[in-house]
Amino acid sequence: MMLAWHWPWAALAGVLATLAIIVLIVVFARRNAADDTPVFSMDDDLNTEHASRLFRQWRALGRLAISVLVLALALAIVLVARPSQVDAGDERASSRDIVLCLDVSGSTLPYDREVIDTYLELVKHFEGERIGLSIFNSTSRTVFPLTDDYELVTKQLTSASKALKGVESQDDIDKMSDAEYQDIANWLEGTQNRKDATSLIGDGVVSCAAMLPGFAYGEANHANADRQRAASIVLATDNVVSGKPTYSLTEALDLTQQTKITVDGLYSGPKASESDQTTTDMKSAIESHGGIFLTQSNGASIDELVRDIQSRRDTDVENKAKSSMVDAPGLWTLALAVILIIWIVCAWRLRR
């Protein structure tokens, strides 16, 4: 990378100060040379071979020490000028909001745990995404709102996964203890507050959309459609409605589309029902509103489907190039340290 200087004027000031000191030394040296005062000399006393050799060695070490000090001074001036370089790189900054919208009616509960477990793994790789979880049956309950506190998210998803562990098959349900059954009942509390109604899909989607900034019940316009972060809902359901919802799935998707919220559909039901009219209706509604609809018909697991949706939505992640000026004193500091060590060795040898 190209080398630059944060404070080049500091280096110039250091050079000028050094030159001034050198000029003063030369001036005083010439004045002393012009003085006729007798000066005692040890040349005659050191006029032996051994003494002359030691004296020459001493003078050589002295010159080396002075040279090293001059070099150290030059390096110090360089460091004062703050050598720098331009650091260019890519900054991964996600601005995506994700709401997990899970149908928790009896037919879909066995599949919800795998959706939760997959996001429990995906959260480990999130950087800046905000995630929320809402569950619904005849009514909705927010398990946790949008947040990038991944410690809280992990805790909540882990708790939900443990609660749903016993409902993956009818045999599991039959073997549940009273305590395990109570855990599930506590987790589902608030999702069955309407009599003679289950799995009201459209109402569930609208409740999930209400967790996202800019969404207003029953209203969508330019004022609430503009958003700073991409918003998406992952809807896991089998689309089997029992009862009369306030919003149909299509009406709910119309609202989310007008407020620029993408809804992706994940069929959470038995493979034998993938060709049912309710499933094909869900596929048409999701895809006609710009969403992704996936089933397990190709042999993929729920885990693979969730990861497929996540990878496709990764295009919402912005990769921003950035550059900044950073200090780069590394080699200069190392060189100064080596030079000072050499000077210390010379000084120690001169004292001997």
Protein backbone atom coordinates (compact mmCIF):
# COMPACT_ATOMS: atom_id res chain seq x y z
CA MET A 1 0.00 0.00 0.00
CA MET A 2 1.09 3.57 -0.70
CA LEU A 3 2.90 5.25 2.19
CA ALA A 4 1.68 8.64 3.35
CA TRP A 5 2.25 10.97 6.30
CA HIS A 6 -0.27 12.32 8.79
CA TRP A 7 1.98 15.10 10.10
CA PRO A 8 4.63 15.92 7.43
CA TRP A 9 5.14 19.36 9.00
CA ALA A 10 6.36 17.66 12.18
CA ALA A 11 9.10 15.91 10.22
CA LEU A 12 10.10 19.22 8.63
CA ALA A 13 10.27 20.85 12.08
CA GLY A 14 12.41 17.96 13.35
CA VAL A 15 14.83 18.27 10.43
CA LEU A 16 15.17 22.03 10.92
CA ALA A 17 15.81 21.60 14.65
CA THR A 18 18.46 18.96 13.93
CA LEU A 19 20.19 21.19 11.38
CA ALA A 20 20.20 24.06 13.87
CA ILE A 21 21.85 21.86 16.50
CA ILE A 22 24.49 20.68 14.00
CA VAL A 23 25.27 24.26 12.98
CA LEU A 24 25.72 25.27 16.63
CA ILE A 25 28.04 22.33 17.26
CA VAL A 26 30.16 23.18 14.20
CA VAL A 27 30.38 26.86 15.23
CA PHE A 28 31.53 26.04 18.77
CA ALA A 29 33.97 23.45 17.46
CA ARG A 30 35.63 26.04 15.18
CA ARG A 31 35.91 28.53 18.06
CA ASN A 32 37.66 25.94 20.16
CA ALA A 33 39.98 25.08 17.29
CA ALA A 34 40.97 28.75 16.92
CA ASP A 35 41.88 28.99 20.62
CA ASP A 36 45.72 28.90 21.13
CA THR A 37 45.48 27.61 24.69
CA PRO A 38 47.74 24.55 25.13
CA VAL A 39 45.77 21.34 25.17
CA PHE A 40 46.99 18.25 26.96
CA SER A 41 47.31 15.27 24.60
CA MET A 42 47.55 11.59 25.49
CA ASP A 43 49.09 10.66 22.13
CA ASP A 44 52.58 10.45 23.56
CA ASP A 45 51.46 8.45 26.57
CA LEU A 46 49.58 6.01 24.33
CA ASN A 47 52.46 5.53 21.97
CA THR A 48 52.52 1.75 22.41
CA GLU A 49 51.10 -0.90 20.11
CA HIS A 50 48.50 -2.23 22.59
CA ALA A 51 47.42 1.21 23.77
CA SER A 52 47.16 2.48 20.18
CA ARG A 53 44.98 -0.45 19.19
CA LEU A 54 42.64 0.11 22.11
CA PHE A 55 42.48 3.83 21.35
CA ARG A 56 41.64 3.22 17.70
CA GLN A 57 38.96 0.77 18.80
CA TRP A 58 37.54 3.32 21.21
CA ARG A 59 37.42 6.00 18.51
CA ALA A 60 35.74 3.59 16.06
CA LEU A 61 33.13 2.65 18.63
CA GLY A 62 32.55 6.33 19.38
CA ARG A 63 32.01 7.11 15.70
CA LEU A 64 29.67 4.12 15.37
CA ALA A 65 27.71 5.26 18.42
CA ILE A 66 27.35 8.78 16.97
CA SER A 67 26.25 7.37 13.61
CA VAL A 68 23.70 5.14 15.29
CA LEU A 69 22.37 8.08 17.30
CA VAL A 70 22.01 10.14 14.13
CA LEU A 71 20.11 7.29 12.49
CA ALA A 72 17.90 6.91 15.58
CA LEU A 73 17.18 10.63 15.45
CA ALA A 74 16.18 10.34 11.79
CA LEU A 75 13.86 7.43 12.57
CA ALA A 76 12.35 9.35 15.48
CA ILE A 77 11.63 12.28 13.13
CA VAL A 78 9.95 9.84 10.73
CA LEU A 79 7.76 8.47 13.52
CA VAL A 80 6.81 11.98 14.64
CA ALA A 81 5.48 12.54 11.11
CA ARG A 82 3.18 9.51 11.63
CA PRO A 83 3.79 7.21 8.66
CA SER A 84 0.41 5.98 7.41
CA GLN A 85 -1.16 3.94 4.67
CA VAL A 86 -4.56 3.69 3.04
CA ASP A 87 -6.42 0.63 4.24
CA ALA A 88 -9.06 -0.43 1.73
CA GLY A 89 -11.51 -3.23 2.40
CA ASP A 90 -15.08 -4.43 2.25
CA GLU A 91 -17.45 -3.81 5.11
CA ARG A 92 -20.27 -6.29 5.48
CA ALA A 93 -23.20 -4.45 6.95
CA SER A 94 -26.59 -6.14 6.94
CA SER A 95 -29.68 -3.99 7.22
CA ARG A 96 -32.29 -6.71 7.20
CA ASP A 97 -35.18 -7.38 9.58
CA ILE A 98 -36.45 -10.97 9.77
CA VAL A 99 -39.64 -12.08 11.50
CA LEU A 100 -40.19 -15.80 11.98
CA CYS A 101 -43.95 -16.25 11.69
CA LEU A 102 -44.89 -19.74 12.86
CA ASP A 103 -48.28 -21.41 12.68
CA VAL A 104 -48.58 -23.37 15.95
CA SER A 105 -51.80 -25.22 15.22
CA GLY A 106 -51.70 -28.93 15.93
CA SER A 107 -50.90 -29.93 12.34
CA THR A 108 -47.80 -27.73 12.07
CA LEU A 109 -46.23 -27.97 15.54
CA PRO A 110 -44.12 -31.04 14.63
CA TYR A 111 -42.39 -28.97 11.90
CA ASP A 112 -41.93 -25.73 13.83
CA ARG A 113 -39.12 -27.11 15.97
CA GLU A 114 -36.91 -27.74 12.91
CA VAL A 115 -37.50 -24.19 11.66
CA ILE A 116 -36.50 -22.86 15.08
CA ASP A 117 -33.43 -25.13 15.30
CA THR A 118 -32.23 -24.00 11.86
CA TYR A 119 -32.45 -20.33 12.80
CA LEU A 120 -30.73 -21.16 16.06
CA GLU A 121 -27.73 -22.19 13.94
CA LEU A 122 -28.07 -19.32 11.45
CA VAL A 123 -28.07 -16.70 14.21
CA LYS A 124 -24.45 -17.65 14.98
CA HIS A 125 -23.48 -16.12 11.61
CA PHE A 126 -25.71 -13.04 11.71
CA GLU A 127 -24.02 -9.62 11.61
CA GLY A 128 -26.43 -6.75 11.97
CA GLU A 129 -29.63 -8.61 11.14
CA ARG A 130 -32.51 -8.07 13.52
CA ILE A 131 -34.72 -11.06 14.17
CA GLY A 132 -38.09 -11.50 15.88
CA LEU A 133 -40.41 -14.44 16.53
CA SER A 134 -44.20 -14.48 16.49
CA ILE A 135 -46.43 -17.55 16.82
CA PHE A 136 -50.11 -17.75 15.94
CA ASN A 137 -53.11 -20.01 15.89
CA SER A 138 -56.45 -18.25 16.24
CA THR A 139 -54.58 -15.30 17.79
CA SER A 140 -50.92 -14.26 17.82
CA ARG A 141 -48.25 -13.92 20.46
CA THR A 142 -44.90 -12.17 20.14
CA VAL A 143 -42.26 -14.46 21.62
CA PHE A 144 -39.59 -11.78 21.28
CA PRO A 145 -39.57 -8.54 19.25
CA LEU A 146 -37.06 -7.50 16.60
CA THR A 147 -33.61 -7.43 18.14
CA ASP A 148 -29.93 -7.91 17.30
CA ASP A 149 -29.23 -9.10 20.85
CA TYR A 150 -28.22 -12.55 19.66
CA GLU A 151 -27.68 -13.80 23.20
CA LEU A 152 -31.34 -13.14 23.94
CA VAL A 153 -32.40 -14.61 20.59
CA THR A 154 -30.39 -17.78 21.21
CA LYS A 155 -31.87 -18.14 24.70
CA GLN A 156 -35.44 -17.74 23.44
CA LEU A 157 -35.02 -20.07 20.44
CA THR A 158 -33.36 -22.70 22.63
CA SER A 159 -36.23 -22.50 25.10
CA ALA A 160 -38.77 -22.85 22.27
CA SER A 161 -36.91 -25.82 20.81
CA LYS A 162 -36.90 -27.60 24.17
CA ALA A 163 -40.60 -26.95 24.64
CA LEU A 164 -41.43 -28.43 21.22
CA LYS A 165 -39.19 -31.46 21.59
CA GLY A 166 -42.09 -33.67 22.65
CA VAL A 167 -44.48 -32.90 19.77
CA GLU A 168 -42.62 -34.26 16.76
CA SER A 169 -44.91 -37.28 16.52
CA GLN A 170 -48.06 -38.64 18.14
CA ASP A 171 -45.97 -41.21 20.00
CA ASP A 172 -43.92 -38.37 21.51
CA ILE A 173 -47.12 -36.61 22.62
CA ASP A 174 -48.47 -39.79 24.19
CA LYS A 175 -45.24 -40.22 26.19
CA MET A 176 -45.14 -36.66 27.49
CA SER A 177 -45.10 -36.07 31.21
CA ASP A 178 -47.42 -33.57 32.86
CA ALA A 179 -44.51 -31.14 33.29
CA GLU A 180 -43.56 -31.36 29.61
CA TYR A 181 -47.16 -30.87 28.57
CA GLN A 182 -47.37 -27.82 30.81
CA ASP A 183 -44.20 -26.36 29.23
CA ILE A 184 -45.80 -26.55 25.79
CA ALA A 185 -49.06 -25.12 27.09
CA ASN A 186 -47.17 -22.20 28.63
CA TRP A 187 -45.30 -21.55 25.37
CA LEU A 188 -48.53 -21.62 23.35
CA GLU A 189 -50.44 -19.44 25.79
CA GLY A 190 -52.13 -16.53 24.05
CA THR A 191 -52.42 -18.19 20.65
CA GLN A 192 -55.88 -19.79 21.10
CA ASN A 193 -58.08 -16.99 22.41
CA ARG A 194 -60.86 -17.38 19.82
CA LYS A 195 -63.31 -20.25 20.04
CA ASP A 196 -63.99 -22.51 17.09
CA ALA A 197 -61.08 -21.08 15.08
CA THR A 198 -57.56 -22.34 14.39
CA SER A 199 -54.72 -21.46 12.09
CA LEU A 200 -55.97 -18.07 10.93
CA ILE A 201 -53.12 -17.54 8.47
CA GLY A 202 -53.90 -14.04 7.21
CA ASP A 203 -54.35 -12.65 10.72
CA GLY A 204 -51.07 -14.27 11.75
CA VAL A 205 -49.19 -12.66 8.84
CA VAL A 206 -50.60 -9.22 9.66
CA SER A 207 -49.58 -9.62 13.31
CA CYS A 208 -46.06 -10.57 12.23
CA ALA A 209 -45.91 -7.61 9.84
CA ALA A 210 -46.91 -5.30 12.70
CA MET A 211 -43.59 -6.15 14.37
CA LEU A 212 -41.77 -4.43 11.50
CA PRO A 213 -41.24 -0.64 11.46
CA GLY A 214 -43.48 1.27 9.08
CA PHE A 215 -46.41 -1.16 8.99
CA ALA A 216 -49.89 0.08 9.90
CA TYR A 217 -52.94 -2.12 10.33
CA GLY A 218 -55.33 -1.76 7.42
CA GLU A 219 -53.36 1.04 5.82
CA ALA A 220 -50.43 1.23 3.43
CA ASN A 221 -49.16 4.37 1.72
CA HIS A 222 -45.95 6.11 0.69
CA ALA A 223 -45.50 7.49 4.20
CA ASN A 224 -45.08 4.07 5.77
CA ALA A 225 -43.73 2.23 2.74
CA ASP A 226 -40.30 3.88 2.80
CA ARG A 227 -37.93 1.91 5.02
CA GLN A 228 -34.21 2.03 5.75
CA ARG A 229 -33.85 -1.73 6.29
CA ALA A 230 -34.98 -4.63 4.11
CA ALA A 231 -37.84 -6.46 5.82
CA SER A 232 -38.92 -10.05 5.35
CA ILE A 233 -41.24 -12.55 6.99
CA VAL A 234 -40.63 -16.30 6.95
CA LEU A 235 -44.10 -17.84 7.16
CA ALA A 236 -44.21 -21.50 8.19
CA THR A 237 -47.70 -22.99 7.84
CA ASP A 238 -49.74 -25.65 6.07
CA ASN A 239 -52.38 -23.03 5.09
CA VAL A 240 -55.26 -25.06 6.53
CA VAL A 241 -57.67 -22.46 7.95
CA SER A 242 -60.50 -23.31 10.32
CA GLY A 243 -62.74 -20.38 11.17
CA LYS A 244 -63.32 -16.91 9.79
CA PRO A 245 -60.21 -14.71 9.78
CA THR A 246 -60.22 -10.92 9.71
CA TYR A 247 -57.72 -10.99 6.83
CA SER A 248 -57.33 -13.67 4.20
CA LEU A 249 -53.81 -14.66 3.24
CA THR A 250 -54.09 -12.70 -0.01
CA GLU A 251 -55.33 -9.58 1.78
CA ALA A 252 -52.49 -9.82 4.28
CA LEU A 253 -49.95 -10.20 1.49
CA ASP A 254 -51.41 -7.16 -0.29
CA LEU A 255 -50.73 -5.10 2.84
CA THR A 256 -47.18 -6.38 3.27
CA GLN A 257 -46.38 -5.83 -0.41
CA GLN A 258 -47.56 -2.22 -0.27
CA THR A 259 -45.23 -1.60 2.69
CA LYS A 260 -42.30 -3.37 0.97
CA ILE A 261 -42.26 -6.36 3.29
CA THR A 262 -41.36 -9.61 1.56
CA VAL A 263 -43.14 -12.76 2.75
CA ASP A 264 -41.53 -16.12 2.02
CA GLY A 265 -43.59 -19.26 2.50
CA LEU A 266 -42.42 -22.54 3.95
CA TYR A 267 -44.88 -25.40 3.75
CA SER A 268 -44.95 -27.00 7.19
CA GLY A 269 -47.10 -30.05 6.86
CA PRO A 270 -47.09 -33.67 5.73
CA LYS A 271 -45.65 -34.36 2.29
CA ALA A 272 -48.85 -36.19 1.34
CA SER A 273 -50.72 -32.87 1.47
CA GLU A 274 -48.34 -30.88 -0.73
CA SER A 275 -50.60 -31.28 -3.75
CA ASP A 276 -53.74 -30.18 -1.90
CA GLN A 277 -55.63 -27.11 -3.07
CA THR A 278 -54.71 -25.22 0.11
CA THR A 279 -51.02 -25.75 -0.61
CA THR A 280 -51.22 -24.69 -4.27
CA ASP A 281 -53.26 -21.63 -3.23
CA MET A 282 -50.55 -20.69 -0.74
CA LYS A 283 -47.84 -21.14 -3.37
CA SER A 284 -49.70 -18.92 -5.86
CA ALA A 285 -50.36 -16.22 -3.27
CA ILE A 286 -46.76 -16.12 -2.00
CA GLU A 287 -45.12 -16.14 -5.42
CA SER A 288 -47.53 -13.60 -6.94
CA HIS A 289 -46.45 -11.17 -4.21
CA GLY A 290 -42.73 -11.60 -4.88
CA GLY A 291 -42.00 -14.21 -2.21
CA ILE A 292 -40.30 -17.59 -2.28
CA PHE A 293 -42.39 -20.69 -1.64
CA LEU A 294 -40.71 -24.00 -0.81
CA THR A 295 -41.91 -27.48 0.04
CA GLN A 296 -40.24 -30.76 0.88
CA SER A 297 -41.35 -32.43 -2.35
CA ASN A 298 -37.79 -32.51 -3.71
CA GLY A 299 -36.57 -34.48 -0.71
CA ALA A 300 -35.13 -31.46 1.09
CA SER A 301 -35.54 -31.17 4.84
CA ILE A 302 -37.07 -28.19 6.61
CA ASP A 303 -33.53 -27.20 7.56
CA GLU A 304 -32.45 -27.11 3.91
CA LEU A 305 -35.51 -25.11 2.90
CA VAL A 306 -34.90 -22.49 5.58
CA ARG A 307 -31.26 -22.18 4.55
CA ASP A 308 -32.32 -21.86 0.91
CA ILE A 309 -34.60 -18.94 1.76
CA GLN A 310 -31.87 -17.34 3.86
CA SER A 311 -29.25 -17.65 1.10
CA ARG A 312 -31.56 -16.11 -1.50
CA ARG A 313 -32.31 -13.18 0.77
CA ASP A 314 -28.59 -12.60 1.37
CA THR A 315 -28.70 -10.32 -1.67
CA ASP A 316 -30.20 -7.77 0.74
CA VAL A 317 -26.90 -7.65 2.57
CA GLU A 318 -24.88 -4.66 1.47
CA ASN A 319 -21.17 -4.99 0.81
CA LYS A 320 -19.76 -1.51 1.12
CA ALA A 321 -16.23 -0.66 0.08
CA LYS A 322 -14.48 1.53 2.58
CA SER A 323 -11.05 3.10 2.85
CA SER A 324 -9.36 4.85 5.71
CA MET A 325 -5.98 6.25 6.63
CA VAL A 326 -4.37 4.14 9.35
CA ASP A 327 -1.06 4.55 11.15
CA ALA A 328 1.67 2.18 9.94
CA PRO A 329 4.56 2.59 12.38
CA GLY A 330 5.40 -1.11 12.48
CA LEU A 331 8.64 -1.38 10.48
CA TRP A 332 9.82 2.07 11.50
CA THR A 333 9.37 1.24 15.19
CA LEU A 334 11.16 -2.07 14.74
CA ALA A 335 14.08 -0.33 13.00
CA LEU A 336 14.29 2.26 15.80
CA ALA A 337 14.31 -0.47 18.44
CA VAL A 338 17.15 -2.32 16.66
CA ILE A 339 19.17 0.89 16.32
CA LEU A 340 18.73 1.72 20.02
CA ILE A 341 19.88 -1.78 20.99
CA ILE A 342 23.01 -1.31 18.87
CA TRP A 343 23.66 2.07 20.53
CA ILE A 344 23.24 0.57 24.01
CA VAL A 345 25.79 -2.13 23.15
CA CYS A 346 28.25 0.48 21.84
CA ALA A 347 27.76 2.67 24.94
CA TRP A 348 28.34 -0.30 27.24
CA ARG A 349 31.48 -1.25 25.35
CA LEU A 350 32.79 2.33 25.47
CA ARG A 351 32.37 2.46 29.26
CA ARG A 352 34.58 -0.61 29.58
